[in-house]
């Protein structure tokens, strides 16, 4: 979907999704290093969180038709697998996309 067809609010959703993905990626990498380690379910869940953060960034760069619904699922999974702040920002992006 080219940017010319997107509404202004969809551009805001994509921007917030990119920011949320970057924050989730940084937070997960910091968690993998050992800082801010409140709980850990193992390296596999942290790798899943990194992959989900990268998918979120890619959805922000190139949105598809069901991006808000996908962002809700990814946001919840990011919250579960390791990044609180990034997951909340991704859910905020999804809420912005659902409102429009």
Protein backbone atom coordinates (compact mmCIF):
# COMPACT_ATOMS: atom_id res chain seq x y z
CA UNK A 1 0.00 0.00 0.00
CA UNK A 2 1.73 3.20 -1.11
CA UNK A 3 1.97 6.14 1.25
CA UNK A 4 -0.26 8.26 -0.98
CA UNK A 5 -3.20 5.95 -0.25
CA UNK A 6 -2.66 5.95 3.50
CA UNK A 7 -4.46 8.40 5.72
CA UNK A 8 -2.53 10.74 7.98
CA UNK A 9 -3.52 8.69 11.03
CA UNK A 10 -2.17 5.53 9.40
CA UNK A 11 1.18 7.28 8.98
CA UNK A 12 1.08 8.08 12.71
CA UNK A 13 0.31 4.42 13.44
CA UNK A 14 3.26 3.29 11.32
CA UNK A 15 5.59 5.80 12.98
CA UNK A 16 4.52 4.71 16.47
CA UNK A 17 4.90 1.05 15.43
CA UNK A 18 8.47 1.70 14.24
CA UNK A 19 9.29 3.50 17.50
CA UNK A 20 7.72 0.66 19.52
CA UNK A 21 9.67 -1.94 17.56
CA UNK A 22 12.95 -0.10 18.10
CA UNK A 23 12.25 0.29 21.83
CA UNK A 24 11.30 -3.39 22.11
CA UNK A 25 14.44 -4.39 20.23
CA UNK A 26 16.70 -2.29 22.45
CA UNK A 27 14.94 -3.40 25.63
CA UNK A 28 15.18 -7.07 24.66
CA UNK A 29 18.86 -6.80 23.75
CA UNK A 30 19.57 -5.09 27.08
CA UNK A 31 17.63 -7.90 28.76
CA UNK A 32 19.69 -10.50 26.88
CA UNK A 33 22.92 -8.89 28.08
CA UNK A 34 21.76 -9.17 31.67
CA UNK A 35 20.73 -5.65 32.62
CA UNK A 36 17.16 -5.00 33.78
CA UNK A 37 16.61 -8.72 34.26
CA UNK A 38 13.49 -8.99 36.38
CA UNK A 39 12.57 -12.43 35.09
CA UNK A 40 13.85 -14.66 32.36
CA UNK A 41 12.24 -17.56 30.57
CA UNK A 42 15.44 -18.38 28.72
CA UNK A 43 17.26 -17.31 25.62
CA UNK A 44 14.60 -18.73 23.30
CA UNK A 45 11.91 -16.34 24.47
CA UNK A 46 14.31 -13.43 24.15
CA UNK A 47 15.13 -14.44 20.58
CA UNK A 48 11.38 -14.63 19.86
CA UNK A 49 11.01 -11.11 21.27
CA UNK A 50 13.80 -9.85 18.99
CA UNK A 51 12.12 -11.45 15.95
CA UNK A 52 8.76 -9.92 16.91
CA UNK A 53 10.40 -6.49 17.32
CA UNK A 54 11.93 -6.77 13.86
CA UNK A 55 8.56 -7.81 12.39
CA UNK A 56 6.97 -4.78 14.07
CA UNK A 57 9.55 -2.46 12.54
CA UNK A 58 8.96 -4.01 9.11
CA UNK A 59 5.18 -3.61 9.50
CA UNK A 60 5.75 0.06 10.26
CA UNK A 61 7.91 0.49 7.19
CA UNK A 62 5.66 -1.50 4.84
CA UNK A 63 2.10 -1.77 6.23
CA UNK A 64 -0.28 -4.43 4.97
CA UNK A 65 -4.06 -4.55 5.00
CA UNK A 66 -4.53 -6.06 8.48
CA UNK A 67 -1.69 -4.22 10.21
CA UNK A 68 -3.67 -3.07 13.32
CA UNK A 69 -4.89 -6.59 14.08
CA UNK A 70 -1.42 -8.02 13.58
CA UNK A 71 0.05 -5.29 15.81
CA UNK A 72 -2.36 -6.24 18.62
CA UNK A 73 -1.18 -9.85 18.52
CA UNK A 74 2.49 -8.89 18.23
CA UNK A 75 2.15 -6.30 21.01
CA UNK A 76 0.71 -8.86 23.40
CA UNK A 77 3.41 -11.38 22.47
CA UNK A 78 6.13 -8.77 22.97
CA UNK A 79 4.69 -8.03 26.42
CA UNK A 80 4.74 -11.73 27.30
CA UNK A 81 8.17 -12.51 25.88
CA UNK A 82 10.17 -9.72 27.40
CA UNK A 83 9.64 -6.06 26.56
CA UNK A 84 7.12 -4.13 28.63
CA UNK A 85 7.70 -0.63 27.29
CA UNK A 86 8.03 -1.72 23.66
CA UNK A 87 4.92 -3.90 23.89
CA UNK A 88 2.85 -1.06 25.31
CA UNK A 89 4.00 1.28 22.54
CA UNK A 90 3.13 -1.33 19.90
CA UNK A 91 -0.33 -1.76 21.46
CA UNK A 92 -0.72 2.02 21.36
CA UNK A 93 0.13 1.94 17.64
CA UNK A 94 -2.46 -0.79 17.15
CA UNK A 95 -5.07 1.27 19.00
CA UNK A 96 -4.31 4.24 16.73
CA UNK A 97 -4.77 2.00 13.70
CA UNK A 98 -8.05 0.53 14.98
CA UNK A 99 -9.53 3.95 15.74
CA UNK A 100 -9.15 5.05 12.10
